[in-house]
C-alpha atoms as a PDB file:
ATOM      1  CA  MET A   1     -37.612  71.897 -18.002  1.00  0.00           C
ATOM      2  CA  PRO A   2     -34.466  70.924 -19.932  1.00  0.00           C
ATOM      3  CA  LEU A   3     -34.569  67.519 -21.631  1.00  0.00           C
ATOM      4  CA  ASN A   4     -31.408  66.344 -19.849  1.00  0.00           C
ATOM      5  CA  ALA A   5     -32.968  67.039 -16.445  1.00  0.00           C
ATOM      6  CA  VAL A   6     -36.051  64.999 -17.384  1.00  0.00           C
ATOM      7  CA  PHE A   7     -33.909  62.032 -18.413  1.00  0.00           C
ATOM      8  CA  LYS A   8     -31.870  62.360 -15.234  1.00  0.00           C
ATOM      9  CA  LYS A   9     -34.990  62.249 -13.008  1.00  0.00           C
ATOM     10  CA  LYS A  10     -36.377  59.229 -14.884  1.00  0.00           C
ATOM     11  CA  TRP A  11     -33.033  57.419 -14.504  1.00  0.00           C
ATOM     12  CA  ILE A  12     -32.954  58.080 -10.732  1.00  0.00           C
ATOM     13  CA  LEU A  13     -36.573  56.861 -10.444  1.00  0.00           C
ATOM     14  CA  LEU A  14     -35.718  53.622 -12.290  1.00  0.00           C
ATOM     15  CA  LEU A  15     -32.744  52.991  -9.982  1.00  0.00           C
ATOM     16  CA  CYS A  16     -34.920  53.464  -6.896  1.00  0.00           C
ATOM     17  CA  VAL A  17     -37.553  51.073  -8.240  1.00  0.00           C
ATOM     18  CA  ALA A  18     -34.862  48.488  -9.059  1.00  0.00           C
ATOM     19  CA  ALA A  19     -33.349  48.763  -5.573  1.00  0.00           C
ATOM     20  CA  ILE A  20     -36.747  48.385  -3.900  1.00  0.00           C
ATOM     21  CA  GLY A  21     -37.629  45.478  -6.192  1.00  0.00           C
ATOM     22  CA  GLY A  22     -34.295  43.756  -5.479  1.00  0.00           C
ATOM     23  CA  SER A  23     -34.810  44.122  -1.741  1.00  0.00           C
ATOM     24  CA  PHE A  24     -38.319  42.733  -2.067  1.00  0.00           C
ATOM     25  CA  LEU A  25     -37.101  39.727  -4.114  1.00  0.00           C
ATOM     26  CA  THR A  26     -34.338  39.052  -1.598  1.00  0.00           C
ATOM     27  CA  TRP A  27     -36.891  39.160   1.219  1.00  0.00           C
ATOM     28  CA  GLN A  28     -39.210  36.889  -0.726  1.00  0.00           C
ATOM     29  CA  TRP A  29     -36.425  34.334  -1.459  1.00  0.00           C
ATOM     30  CA  SER A  30     -35.335  34.346   2.156  1.00  0.00           C
ATOM     31  CA  ASN A  31     -38.877  33.672   3.300  1.00  0.00           C
ATOM     32  CA  ARG A  32     -39.435  30.975   0.691  1.00  0.00           C
ATOM     33  CA  ALA A  33     -36.349  29.197   2.063  1.00  0.00           C
ATOM     34  CA  HIS A  34     -38.130  28.829   5.388  1.00  0.00           C
ATOM     35  CA  ASP A  35     -41.378  27.283   6.441  1.00  0.00           C
ATOM     36  CA  ASP A  36     -42.900  25.923   9.603  1.00  0.00           C
ATOM     37  CA  ARG A  37     -41.103  22.591   9.200  1.00  0.00           C
ATOM     38  CA  GLY A  38     -37.537  23.747   8.641  1.00  0.00           C
ATOM     39  CA  LEU A  39     -34.985  25.395   6.405  1.00  0.00           C
ATOM     40  CA  LEU A  40     -34.940  24.449   2.727  1.00  0.00           C
ATOM     41  CA  LEU A  41     -31.646  23.948   0.873  1.00  0.00           C
ATOM     42  CA  TYR A  42     -31.124  23.061  -2.766  1.00  0.00           C
ATOM     43  CA  GLY A  43     -28.180  21.176  -4.197  1.00  0.00           C
ATOM     44  CA  ASN A  44     -26.990  18.081  -6.036  1.00  0.00           C
ATOM     45  CA  ILE A  45     -26.148  14.521  -5.048  1.00  0.00           C
ATOM     46  CA  ASP A  46     -22.418  14.014  -4.701  1.00  0.00           C
ATOM     47  CA  LEU A  47     -20.227  11.024  -3.915  1.00  0.00           C
ATOM     48  CA  ARG A  48     -16.591  10.024  -3.895  1.00  0.00           C
ATOM     49  CA  GLN A  49     -14.840   8.819  -7.029  1.00  0.00           C
ATOM     50  CA  VAL A  50     -11.757   6.595  -7.160  1.00  0.00           C
ATOM     51  CA  SER A  51      -9.211   5.995  -9.906  1.00  0.00           C
ATOM     52  CA  LEU A  52      -7.807   2.444  -9.673  1.00  0.00           C
ATOM     53  CA  VAL A  53      -4.261   1.723 -10.838  1.00  0.00           C
ATOM     54  CA  PHE A  54      -1.897  -1.265 -10.699  1.00  0.00           C
ATOM     55  CA  ASN A  55       1.197  -1.015  -8.492  1.00  0.00           C
ATOM     56  CA  ASN A  56       3.281  -2.866 -11.094  1.00  0.00           C
ATOM     57  CA  SER A  57       4.204  -2.032 -14.666  1.00  0.00           C
ATOM     58  CA  GLU A  58       3.222  -5.028 -16.779  1.00  0.00           C
ATOM     59  CA  ARG A  59       0.931  -6.009 -19.634  1.00  0.00           C
ATOM     60  CA  ILE A  60      -2.751  -6.498 -18.733  1.00  0.00           C
ATOM     61  CA  SER A  61      -4.016 -10.043 -19.299  1.00  0.00           C
ATOM     62  CA  GLU A  62      -7.659  -9.704 -18.139  1.00  0.00           C
ATOM     63  CA  VAL A  63     -10.197  -6.939 -17.515  1.00  0.00           C
ATOM     64  CA  LEU A  64     -13.226  -8.391 -15.719  1.00  0.00           C
ATOM     65  CA  ALA A  65     -15.638  -5.467 -15.225  1.00  0.00           C
ATOM     66  CA  LEU A  66     -17.638  -3.209 -17.528  1.00  0.00           C
ATOM     67  CA  GLU A  67     -19.089   0.279 -17.233  1.00  0.00           C
ATOM     68  CA  GLY A  68     -22.151   0.261 -15.010  1.00  0.00           C
ATOM     69  CA  ASP A  69     -21.243  -2.950 -13.168  1.00  0.00           C
ATOM     70  CA  ARG A  70     -21.929  -2.983  -9.433  1.00  0.00           C
ATOM     71  CA  ILE A  71     -18.876  -4.375  -7.708  1.00  0.00           C
ATOM     72  CA  ARG A  72     -18.182  -5.510  -4.162  1.00  0.00           C
ATOM     73  CA  LYS A  73     -15.220  -4.810  -1.908  1.00  0.00           C
ATOM     74  CA  GLY A  74     -12.364  -7.238  -2.636  1.00  0.00           C
ATOM     75  CA  GLN A  75     -13.722  -8.276  -6.054  1.00  0.00           C
ATOM     76  CA  VAL A  76     -11.049  -8.917  -8.716  1.00  0.00           C
ATOM     77  CA  LEU A  77     -11.456  -6.357 -11.500  1.00  0.00           C
ATOM     78  CA  ALA A  78      -8.360  -6.990 -13.642  1.00  0.00           C
ATOM     79  CA  ARG A  79      -5.164  -9.052 -13.787  1.00  0.00           C
ATOM     80  CA  LEU A  80      -1.622  -8.578 -15.048  1.00  0.00           C
ATOM     81  CA  ASP A  81       0.498 -11.081 -16.967  1.00  0.00           C
ATOM     82  CA  THR A  82       2.541 -13.077 -14.397  1.00  0.00           C
ATOM     83  CA  SER A  83       4.311 -15.504 -16.772  1.00  0.00           C
ATOM     84  CA  ARG A  84       7.716 -14.016 -15.921  1.00  0.00           C
ATOM     85  CA  LEU A  85       7.050 -13.338 -12.256  1.00  0.00           C
ATOM     86  CA  ILE A  86       5.953 -16.858 -11.203  1.00  0.00           C
ATOM     87  CA  PRO A  87       9.279 -18.594 -12.161  1.00  0.00           C
ATOM     88  CA  ARG A  88      11.196 -15.877 -10.316  1.00  0.00           C
ATOM     89  CA  VAL A  89       9.110 -16.496  -7.186  1.00  0.00           C
ATOM     90  CA  ALA A  90       9.798 -20.246  -7.436  1.00  0.00           C
ATOM     91  CA  GLU A  91      13.549 -19.610  -7.789  1.00  0.00           C
ATOM     92  CA  VAL A  92      13.760 -17.406  -4.692  1.00  0.00           C
ATOM     93  CA  GLU A  93      11.586 -19.860  -2.737  1.00  0.00           C
ATOM     94  CA  ALA A  94      14.130 -22.599  -3.459  1.00  0.00           C
ATOM     95  CA  GLN A  95      17.056 -20.353  -2.496  1.00  0.00           C
ATOM     96  CA  THR A  96      15.322 -19.399   0.756  1.00  0.00           C
ATOM     97  CA  GLU A  97      14.633 -23.026   1.652  1.00  0.00           C
ATOM     98  CA  ALA A  98      18.216 -24.099   0.908  1.00  0.00           C
ATOM     99  CA  GLN A  99      19.683 -21.267   2.990  1.00  0.00           C
ATOM    100  CA  LYS A 100      17.307 -22.109   5.830  1.00  0.00           C
ATOM    101  CA  HIS A 101      18.749 -25.641   6.001  1.00  0.00           C
ATOM    102  CA  VAL A 102      22.287 -24.215   5.963  1.00  0.00           C
ATOM    103  CA  VAL A 103      21.476 -22.113   9.020  1.00  0.00           C
ATOM    104  CA  GLU A 104      19.870 -25.071  10.796  1.00  0.00           C
ATOM    105  CA  ARG A 105      22.915 -27.243  10.091  1.00  0.00           C
ATOM    106  CA  MET A 106      25.265 -24.596  11.467  1.00  0.00           C
ATOM    107  CA  HIS A 107      23.164 -24.158  14.606  1.00  0.00           C
ATOM    108  CA  ASN A 108      23.010 -27.899  15.202  1.00  0.00           C
ATOM    109  CA  GLY A 109      26.775 -28.290  14.825  1.00  0.00           C
ATOM    110  CA  SER A 110      28.493 -31.538  13.834  1.00  0.00           C
ATOM    111  CA  ARG A 111      26.674 -34.816  14.154  1.00  0.00           C
ATOM    112  CA  PRO A 112      28.159 -37.454  16.503  1.00  0.00           C
ATOM    113  CA  GLU A 113      28.937 -39.613  13.473  1.00  0.00           C
ATOM    114  CA  GLU A 114      30.928 -36.789  11.869  1.00  0.00           C
ATOM    115  CA  ILE A 115      32.925 -36.267  15.067  1.00  0.00           C
ATOM    116  CA  ALA A 116      33.596 -40.021  15.303  1.00  0.00           C
ATOM    117  CA  GLN A 117      34.762 -40.076  11.676  1.00  0.00           C
ATOM    118  CA  ALA A 118      37.084 -37.113  12.273  1.00  0.00           C
ATOM    119  CA  ARG A 119      38.500 -38.824  15.355  1.00  0.00           C
ATOM    120  CA  ALA A 120      39.077 -42.055  13.391  1.00  0.00           C
ATOM    121  CA  ASN A 121      40.865 -40.137  10.642  1.00  0.00           C
ATOM    122  CA  THR A 122      43.044 -38.476  13.272  1.00  0.00           C
ATOM    123  CA  ASP A 123      43.923 -41.825  14.854  1.00  0.00           C
ATOM    124  CA  ALA A 124      44.819 -43.280  11.456  1.00  0.00           C
ATOM    125  CA  ALA A 125      46.980 -40.279  10.643  1.00  0.00           C
ATOM    126  CA  ARG A 126      48.732 -40.588  14.010  1.00  0.00           C
ATOM    127  CA  ALA A 127      49.442 -44.267  13.354  1.00  0.00           C
ATOM    128  CA  ASP A 128      50.872 -43.445   9.917  1.00  0.00           C
ATOM    129  CA  ALA A 129      53.070 -40.749  11.435  1.00  0.00           C
ATOM    130  CA  ASP A 130      54.323 -43.103  14.180  1.00  0.00           C
ATOM    131  CA  TYR A 131      55.159 -45.779  11.605  1.00  0.00           C
ATOM    132  CA  ALA A 132      56.967 -43.249   9.389  1.00  0.00           C
ATOM    133  CA  ARG A 133      58.936 -41.990  12.372  1.00  0.00           C
ATOM    134  CA  ALA A 134      59.992 -45.512  13.370  1.00  0.00           C
ATOM    135  CA  GLN A 135      61.088 -46.272   9.804  1.00  0.00           C
ATOM    136  CA  TYR A 136      63.094 -43.091   9.620  1.00  0.00           C
ATOM    137  CA  GLU A 137      64.781 -43.690  12.983  1.00  0.00           C
ATOM    138  CA  ARG A 138      65.718 -47.258  11.957  1.00  0.00           C
ATOM    139  CA  LEU A 139      67.304 -46.119   8.707  1.00  0.00           C
ATOM    140  CA  ARG A 140      69.092 -43.230  10.412  1.00  0.00           C
ATOM    141  CA  LEU A 141      70.665 -45.514  13.058  1.00  0.00           C
ATOM    142  CA  LEU A 142      71.638 -48.093  10.432  1.00  0.00           C
ATOM    143  CA  SER A 143      73.219 -45.404   8.304  1.00  0.00           C
ATOM    144  CA  GLY A 144      75.169 -44.068  11.302  1.00  0.00           C
ATOM    145  CA  GLU A 145      76.463 -47.489  12.360  1.00  0.00           C
ATOM    146  CA  SER A 146      77.626 -48.355   8.845  1.00  0.00           C
ATOM    147  CA  SER A 147      79.043 -44.927   8.139  1.00  0.00           C
ATOM    148  CA  GLY A 148      76.492 -44.519   5.369  1.00  0.00           C
ATOM    149  CA  LYS A 149      77.361 -47.765   3.620  1.00  0.00           C
ATOM    150  CA  ALA A 150      74.321 -49.854   4.577  1.00  0.00           C
ATOM    151  CA  VAL A 151      71.717 -47.190   3.633  1.00  0.00           C
ATOM    152  CA  SER A 152      71.923 -44.844   0.722  1.00  0.00           C
ATOM    153  CA  GLN A 153      71.415 -41.137   1.255  1.00  0.00           C
ATOM    154  CA  GLN A 154      68.458 -41.235  -1.115  1.00  0.00           C
ATOM    155  CA  ASP A 155      66.613 -43.824   0.996  1.00  0.00           C
ATOM    156  CA  LEU A 156      67.310 -41.813   4.126  1.00  0.00           C
ATOM    157  CA  ASP A 157      65.986 -38.574   2.567  1.00  0.00           C
ATOM    158  CA  SER A 158      62.891 -40.360   1.238  1.00  0.00           C
ATOM    159  CA  SER A 159      62.125 -41.731   4.717  1.00  0.00           C
ATOM    160  CA  ARG A 160      62.534 -38.286   6.270  1.00  0.00           C
ATOM    161  CA  TYR A 161      60.128 -36.742   3.709  1.00  0.00           C
ATOM    162  CA  THR A 162      57.601 -39.498   4.339  1.00  0.00           C
ATOM    163  CA  LEU A 163      57.744 -38.740   8.078  1.00  0.00           C
ATOM    164  CA  SER A 164      57.203 -35.009   7.481  1.00  0.00           C
ATOM    165  CA  SER A 165      54.217 -35.715   5.240  1.00  0.00           C
ATOM    166  CA  ALA A 166      52.682 -38.096   7.798  1.00  0.00           C
ATOM    167  CA  ASP A 167      53.117 -35.527  10.577  1.00  0.00           C
ATOM    168  CA  ALA A 168      51.391 -32.886   8.426  1.00  0.00           C
ATOM    169  CA  ARG A 169      48.445 -35.183   7.689  1.00  0.00           C
ATOM    170  CA  PHE A 170      48.124 -35.943  11.374  1.00  0.00           C
ATOM    171  CA  MET A 171      48.009 -32.239  12.279  1.00  0.00           C
ATOM    172  CA  GLN A 172      45.466 -31.607   9.515  1.00  0.00           C
ATOM    173  CA  ASN A 173      43.152 -34.329  10.775  1.00  0.00           C
ATOM    174  CA  LYS A 174      43.583 -33.201  14.361  1.00  0.00           C
ATOM    175  CA  LYS A 175      42.522 -29.638  13.468  1.00  0.00           C
ATOM    176  CA  ALA A 176      39.551 -31.019  11.566  1.00  0.00           C
ATOM    177  CA  LEU A 177      38.553 -32.979  14.668  1.00  0.00           C
ATOM    178  CA  ASP A 178      38.844 -29.856  16.820  1.00  0.00           C
ATOM    179  CA  LEU A 179      36.614 -27.891  14.408  1.00  0.00           C
ATOM    180  CA  ALA A 180      34.047 -30.696  14.322  1.00  0.00           C
ATOM    181  CA  VAL A 181      33.863 -30.681  18.122  1.00  0.00           C
ATOM    182  CA  ILE A 182      33.705 -26.850  18.448  1.00  0.00           C
ATOM    183  CA  GLY A 183      31.222 -26.307  15.600  1.00  0.00           C
ATOM    184  CA  PRO A 184      30.848 -23.292  13.278  1.00  0.00           C
ATOM    185  CA  ARG A 185      32.055 -19.824  14.267  1.00  0.00           C
ATOM    186  CA  LYS A 186      29.470 -17.285  15.471  1.00  0.00           C
ATOM    187  CA  GLU A 187      30.427 -14.983  12.628  1.00  0.00           C
ATOM    188  CA  ASP A 188      29.745 -17.703  10.057  1.00  0.00           C
ATOM    189  CA  ILE A 189      26.356 -18.413  11.606  1.00  0.00           C
ATOM    190  CA  ALA A 190      25.488 -14.704  11.577  1.00  0.00           C
ATOM    191  CA  GLN A 191      26.490 -14.432   7.928  1.00  0.00           C
ATOM    192  CA  ALA A 192      24.369 -17.454   6.997  1.00  0.00           C
ATOM    193  CA  GLU A 193      21.385 -16.026   8.887  1.00  0.00           C
ATOM    194  CA  ALA A 194      21.760 -12.651   7.178  1.00  0.00           C
ATOM    195  CA  GLN A 195      21.768 -14.346   3.777  1.00  0.00           C
ATOM    196  CA  TRP A 196      18.661 -16.303   4.770  1.00  0.00           C
ATOM    197  CA  HIS A 197      16.820 -13.119   5.838  1.00  0.00           C
ATOM    198  CA  SER A 198      17.845 -11.471   2.582  1.00  0.00           C
ATOM    199  CA  TYR A 199      16.229 -14.268   0.606  1.00  0.00           C
ATOM    200  CA  GLU A 200      13.121 -14.047   2.797  1.00  0.00           C
ATOM    201  CA  ALA A 201      12.788 -10.307   2.171  1.00  0.00           C
ATOM    202  CA  GLN A 202      13.231 -10.778  -1.555  1.00  0.00           C
ATOM    203  CA  LEU A 203      10.627 -13.554  -1.542  1.00  0.00           C
ATOM    204  CA  ALA A 204       8.138 -11.374   0.384  1.00  0.00           C
ATOM    205  CA  TYR A 205       8.608  -8.588  -2.163  1.00  0.00           C
ATOM    206  CA  LEU A 206       8.036 -10.924  -5.102  1.00  0.00           C
ATOM    207  CA  ARG A 207       4.966 -12.473  -3.470  1.00  0.00           C
ATOM    208  CA  GLN A 208       3.542  -8.981  -2.920  1.00  0.00           C
ATOM    209  CA  GLN A 209       4.167  -8.225  -6.589  1.00  0.00           C
ATOM    210  CA  LEU A 210       2.311 -11.424  -7.465  1.00  0.00           C
ATOM    211  CA  LYS A 211      -0.558 -10.366  -5.189  1.00  0.00           C
ATOM    212  CA  ASP A 212      -0.592  -6.880  -6.725  1.00  0.00           C
ATOM    213  CA  ALA A 213      -1.038  -8.444 -10.153  1.00  0.00           C
ATOM    214  CA  GLU A 214      -4.740  -8.634  -9.240  1.00  0.00           C
ATOM    215  CA  LEU A 215      -6.589  -5.309  -9.102  1.00  0.00           C
ATOM    216  CA  LEU A 216      -9.163  -5.449  -6.282  1.00  0.00           C
ATOM    217  CA  ALA A 217     -12.148  -3.214  -5.628  1.00  0.00           C
ATOM    218  CA  PRO A 218     -11.438  -1.079  -2.532  1.00  0.00           C
ATOM    219  CA  SER A 219     -15.117  -0.770  -1.637  1.00  0.00           C
ATOM    220  CA  ASP A 220     -18.629  -1.367  -2.899  1.00  0.00           C
ATOM    221  CA  ALA A 221     -18.953   0.819  -5.967  1.00  0.00           C
ATOM    222  CA  VAL A 222     -20.195   1.272  -9.525  1.00  0.00           C
ATOM    223  CA  VAL A 223     -17.807   1.228 -12.495  1.00  0.00           C
ATOM    224  CA  ARG A 224     -17.983   4.642 -14.164  1.00  0.00           C
ATOM    225  CA  SER A 225     -15.263   4.172 -16.779  1.00  0.00           C
ATOM    226  CA  ARG A 226     -13.165   1.272 -18.080  1.00  0.00           C
ATOM    227  CA  LEU A 227      -9.988   2.998 -19.236  1.00  0.00           C
ATOM    228  CA  LEU A 228      -7.579   0.191 -20.245  1.00  0.00           C
ATOM    229  CA  GLU A 229      -8.040  -3.075 -22.133  1.00  0.00           C
ATOM    230  CA  PRO A 230      -6.224  -6.470 -22.213  1.00  0.00           C
ATOM    231  CA  GLY A 231      -2.919  -6.206 -24.010  1.00  0.00           C
ATOM    232  CA  GLU A 232      -2.257  -2.631 -22.931  1.00  0.00           C
ATOM    233  CA  MET A 233       0.640  -1.773 -20.650  1.00  0.00           C
ATOM    234  CA  ALA A 234      -0.378  -0.897 -17.091  1.00  0.00           C
ATOM    235  CA  SER A 235       1.643   1.329 -14.790  1.00  0.00           C
ATOM    236  CA  PRO A 236       1.131   3.103 -11.444  1.00  0.00           C
ATOM    237  CA  VAL A 237       0.260   6.329 -13.302  1.00  0.00           C
ATOM    238  CA  ARG A 238      -2.351   4.903 -15.725  1.00  0.00           C
ATOM    239  CA  PRO A 239      -5.816   4.312 -14.192  1.00  0.00           C
ATOM    240  CA  VAL A 240      -7.595   1.135 -15.276  1.00  0.00           C
ATOM    241  CA  PHE A 241     -11.012   2.013 -13.824  1.00  0.00           C
ATOM    242  CA  SER A 242     -12.864   5.029 -12.508  1.00  0.00           C
ATOM    243  CA  LEU A 243     -15.270   4.031  -9.715  1.00  0.00           C
ATOM    244  CA  ALA A 244     -18.151   5.810  -8.019  1.00  0.00           C
ATOM    245  CA  LEU A 245     -18.416   4.701  -4.389  1.00  0.00           C
ATOM    246  CA  ILE A 246     -21.912   3.761  -3.278  1.00  0.00           C
ATOM    247  CA  ASP A 247     -21.403   4.914   0.300  1.00  0.00           C
ATOM    248  CA  PRO A 248     -21.263   7.608   1.575  1.00  0.00           C
ATOM    249  CA  LYS A 249     -23.523   9.917  -0.454  1.00  0.00           C
ATOM    250  CA  TRP A 250     -24.325  13.520   0.338  1.00  0.00           C
ATOM    251  CA  VAL A 251     -26.085  16.593  -1.027  1.00  0.00           C
ATOM    252  CA  ARG A 252     -23.755  19.493  -1.760  1.00  0.00           C
ATOM    253  CA  ALA A 253     -25.779  22.637  -1.061  1.00  0.00           C
ATOM    254  CA  TYR A 254     -25.088  26.278  -0.214  1.00  0.00           C
ATOM    255  CA  VAL A 255     -26.624  28.459   2.468  1.00  0.00           C
ATOM    256  CA  GLY A 256     -26.589  32.205   2.865  1.00  0.00           C
ATOM    257  CA  GLU A 257     -24.848  33.926   5.729  1.00  0.00           C
ATOM    258  CA  ALA A 258     -28.167  34.980   7.256  1.00  0.00           C
ATOM    259  CA  ASP A 259     -29.294  31.341   7.610  1.00  0.00           C
ATOM    260  CA  LEU A 260     -25.935  29.957   8.680  1.00  0.00           C
ATOM    261  CA  GLY A 261     -26.721  30.375  12.360  1.00  0.00           C
ATOM    262  CA  HIS A 262     -29.659  27.941  12.098  1.00  0.00           C
ATOM    263  CA  LEU A 263     -27.395  25.027  11.075  1.00  0.00           C
ATOM    264  CA  HIS A 264     -25.034  22.852  13.052  1.00  0.00           C
ATOM    265  CA  PRO A 265     -23.267  19.511  12.369  1.00  0.00           C
ATOM    266  CA  GLY A 266     -25.509  16.585  13.198  1.00  0.00           C
ATOM    267  CA  ALA A 267     -28.754  18.423  12.543  1.00  0.00           C
ATOM    268  CA  GLN A 268     -31.371  16.042  11.113  1.00  0.00           C
ATOM    269  CA  ALA A 269     -32.729  16.555   7.612  1.00  0.00           C
ATOM    270  CA  GLN A 270     -34.998  15.065   4.986  1.00  0.00           C
ATOM    271  CA  VAL A 271     -33.866  14.779   1.369  1.00  0.00           C
ATOM    272  CA  SER A 272     -36.080  14.439  -1.687  1.00  0.00           C
ATOM    273  CA  VAL A 273     -35.377  14.267  -5.431  1.00  0.00           C
ATOM    274  CA  ASP A 274     -37.573  14.851  -8.466  1.00  0.00           C
ATOM    275  CA  SER A 275     -37.115  11.264  -9.705  1.00  0.00           C
ATOM    276  CA  PHE A 276     -38.874   9.884  -6.598  1.00  0.00           C
ATOM    277  CA  PRO A 277     -41.344  12.587  -5.519  1.00  0.00           C
ATOM    278  CA  ASP A 278     -43.161  10.310  -3.063  1.00  0.00           C
ATOM    279  CA  ARG A 279     -40.027   9.151  -1.307  1.00  0.00           C
ATOM    280  CA  SER A 280     -38.021  10.877   1.430  1.00  0.00           C
ATOM    281  CA  TYR A 281     -34.471  10.008   2.497  1.00  0.00           C
ATOM    282  CA  HIS A 282     -33.068  10.483   5.968  1.00  0.00           C
ATOM    283  CA  GLY A 283     -30.070  12.753   6.224  1.00  0.00           C
ATOM    284  CA  TRP A 284     -27.952  14.807   8.579  1.00  0.00           C
ATOM    285  CA  ILE A 285     -25.543  17.710   8.282  1.00  0.00           C
ATOM    286  CA  GLY A 286     -22.017  16.351   8.264  1.00  0.00           C
ATOM    287  CA  PHE A 287     -20.015  19.372   7.176  1.00  0.00           C
ATOM    288  CA  ILE A 288     -20.372  23.163   7.150  1.00  0.00           C
ATOM    289  CA  SER A 289     -17.612  25.020   5.354  1.00  0.00           C
ATOM    290  CA  PRO A 290     -15.721  27.516   7.528  1.00  0.00           C
ATOM    291  CA  VAL A 291     -14.967  29.628   4.434  1.00  0.00           C
ATOM    292  CA  ALA A 292     -17.480  31.639   2.413  1.00  0.00           C
ATOM    293  CA  GLU A 293     -17.722  31.148  -1.344  1.00  0.00           C
ATOM    294  CA  PHE A 294     -18.931  33.382  -4.158  1.00  0.00           C
ATOM    295  CA  THR A 295     -17.718  36.369  -2.145  1.00  0.00           C
ATOM    296  CA  PRO A 296     -17.618  39.440  -4.431  1.00  0.00           C
ATOM    297  CA  LYS A 297     -14.671  41.102  -2.645  1.00  0.00           C
ATOM    298  CA  SER A 298     -12.652  40.848   0.522  1.00  0.00           C
ATOM    299  CA  VAL A 299     -14.107  43.943   2.222  1.00  0.00           C
ATOM    300  CA  GLN A 300     -17.826  43.351   2.789  1.00  0.00           C
ATOM    301  CA  THR A 301     -20.308  46.122   3.238  1.00  0.00           C
ATOM    302  CA  GLU A 302     -23.498  45.505   5.164  1.00  0.00           C
ATOM    303  CA  GLU A 303     -25.442  45.443   1.897  1.00  0.00           C
ATOM    304  CA  LEU A 304     -23.229  42.718   0.411  1.00  0.00           C
ATOM    305  CA  ARG A 305     -23.194  40.360   3.394  1.00  0.00           C
ATOM    306  CA  PRO A 306     -26.287  38.423   2.211  1.00  0.00           C
ATOM    307  CA  SER A 307     -24.272  37.469  -0.909  1.00  0.00           C
ATOM    308  CA  LEU A 308     -22.003  35.244   1.158  1.00  0.00           C
ATOM    309  CA  ALA A 309     -22.606  31.514   0.607  1.00  0.00           C
ATOM    310  CA  TYR A 310     -21.255  28.584   2.618  1.00  0.00           C
ATOM    311  CA  GLU A 311     -21.018  24.991   1.430  1.00  0.00           C
ATOM    312  CA  VAL A 312     -23.055  22.455   3.417  1.00  0.00           C
ATOM    313  CA  ARG A 313     -22.857  18.677   3.027  1.00  0.00           C
ATOM    314  CA  VAL A 314     -25.961  16.754   4.030  1.00  0.00           C
ATOM    315  CA  PHE A 315     -25.165  13.040   4.194  1.00  0.00           C
ATOM    316  CA  VAL A 316     -27.936  10.724   3.019  1.00  0.00           C
ATOM    317  CA  THR A 317     -28.957   7.171   3.883  1.00  0.00           C
ATOM    318  CA  ASP A 318     -29.700   5.445   0.571  1.00  0.00           C
ATOM    319  CA  GLU A 319     -30.091   1.732   1.284  1.00  0.00           C
ATOM    320  CA  SER A 320     -31.841   1.064  -2.038  1.00  0.00           C
ATOM    321  CA  ASP A 321     -29.107   2.904  -4.005  1.00  0.00           C
ATOM    322  CA  ASP A 322     -31.564   5.156  -5.836  1.00  0.00           C
ATOM    323  CA  LEU A 323     -29.560   8.367  -5.815  1.00  0.00           C
ATOM    324  CA  ARG A 324     -27.182   9.140  -8.660  1.00  0.00           C
ATOM    325  CA  LEU A 325     -24.269  11.516  -8.998  1.00  0.00           C
ATOM    326  CA  GLY A 326     -25.433  15.033  -9.933  1.00  0.00           C
ATOM    327  CA  MET A 327     -29.152  14.528  -9.181  1.00  0.00           C
ATOM    328  CA  PRO A 328     -30.856  17.777  -8.096  1.00  0.00           C
ATOM    329  CA  ALA A 329     -32.055  17.417  -4.516  1.00  0.00           C
ATOM    330  CA  THR A 330     -34.098  19.380  -2.007  1.00  0.00           C
ATOM    331  CA  VAL A 331     -33.046  19.289   1.640  1.00  0.00           C
ATOM    332  CA  ARG A 332     -35.331  20.243   4.493  1.00  0.00           C
ATOM    333  CA  VAL A 333     -33.216  20.821   7.601  1.00  0.00           C
ATOM    334  CA  LEU A 334     -35.362  20.205  10.668  1.00  0.00           C
ATOM    335  CA  LEU A 335     -35.044  23.177  13.009  1.00  0.00           C
ATOM    336  CA  PRO A 336     -35.897  23.063  16.727  1.00  0.00           C
ATOM    337  CA  GLN A 337     -39.393  24.382  17.373  1.00  0.00           C
ATOM    338  CA  PRO A 338     -39.745  27.256  19.876  1.00  0.00           C
ATOM    339  CA  ASN A 339     -41.528  26.425  23.101  1.00  0.00           C
END
């Protein structure tokens, strides 16, 4: 027999053995993933991570947490320098208060005492005008009777100007009295109110900036990284802390397409980790990915279908906070027992 034919037969025999062995290993793995108590999944502990940033751009004055610290929701983690913001808040507070009193005064109108004063000024101006008119009429008649010899033209002109001035003052005081009785115009009141609301909006913005100068923990968590220090410049694009949220926690695992039909959201499970071999954690399936991962190509043959893998998230109750990010975990999904 030619040497090439011998090699060819040996090569074909090796391929057949490999195919049979691969099928046997696949069958063995599939059976090891099941037992009488449920379906076994393997994965790692996962949790959400948060990057905390300040809303304002200012220099950091205090950083109050370190890596590894356990923090509570609402806890102050860092502060910004507010030495320039506080005086600005006080200034706008004063402007808002002053404008508020302006609006109140315009709504209340003139006080009775102010109206009485305006009326008294009008009466005095009327009396002055009447006296000036009488003086002018006396001089005019005397000048006419004496053909201008008893009164000089200068005295007559001066009396006439005094009368005109007195009449003008009377009209001015009368208009002032009318305005005091009527009160401010609606347009003036609306303008004053708009200015007041503008100050209020500006004050609310500054107070929010003052509130944002404190960086608060959004939830119970553990500080993973402290990224900025006092004296550095904070901004909305520079994280100060990286946090790992304590709750929720889940195991990120993957299941083959053949076992996918055994799982459904809400299915109960038990989770165990190597660090605590004698302890079991209650869990449940909270998410099954609708999309396969690790797919070798878009067109699947029947032989390649077992290679499909779907992400499964098994949420875990960890009241003692034992589980850490990345821990290997074993999940036993409890399957309904046949009757």
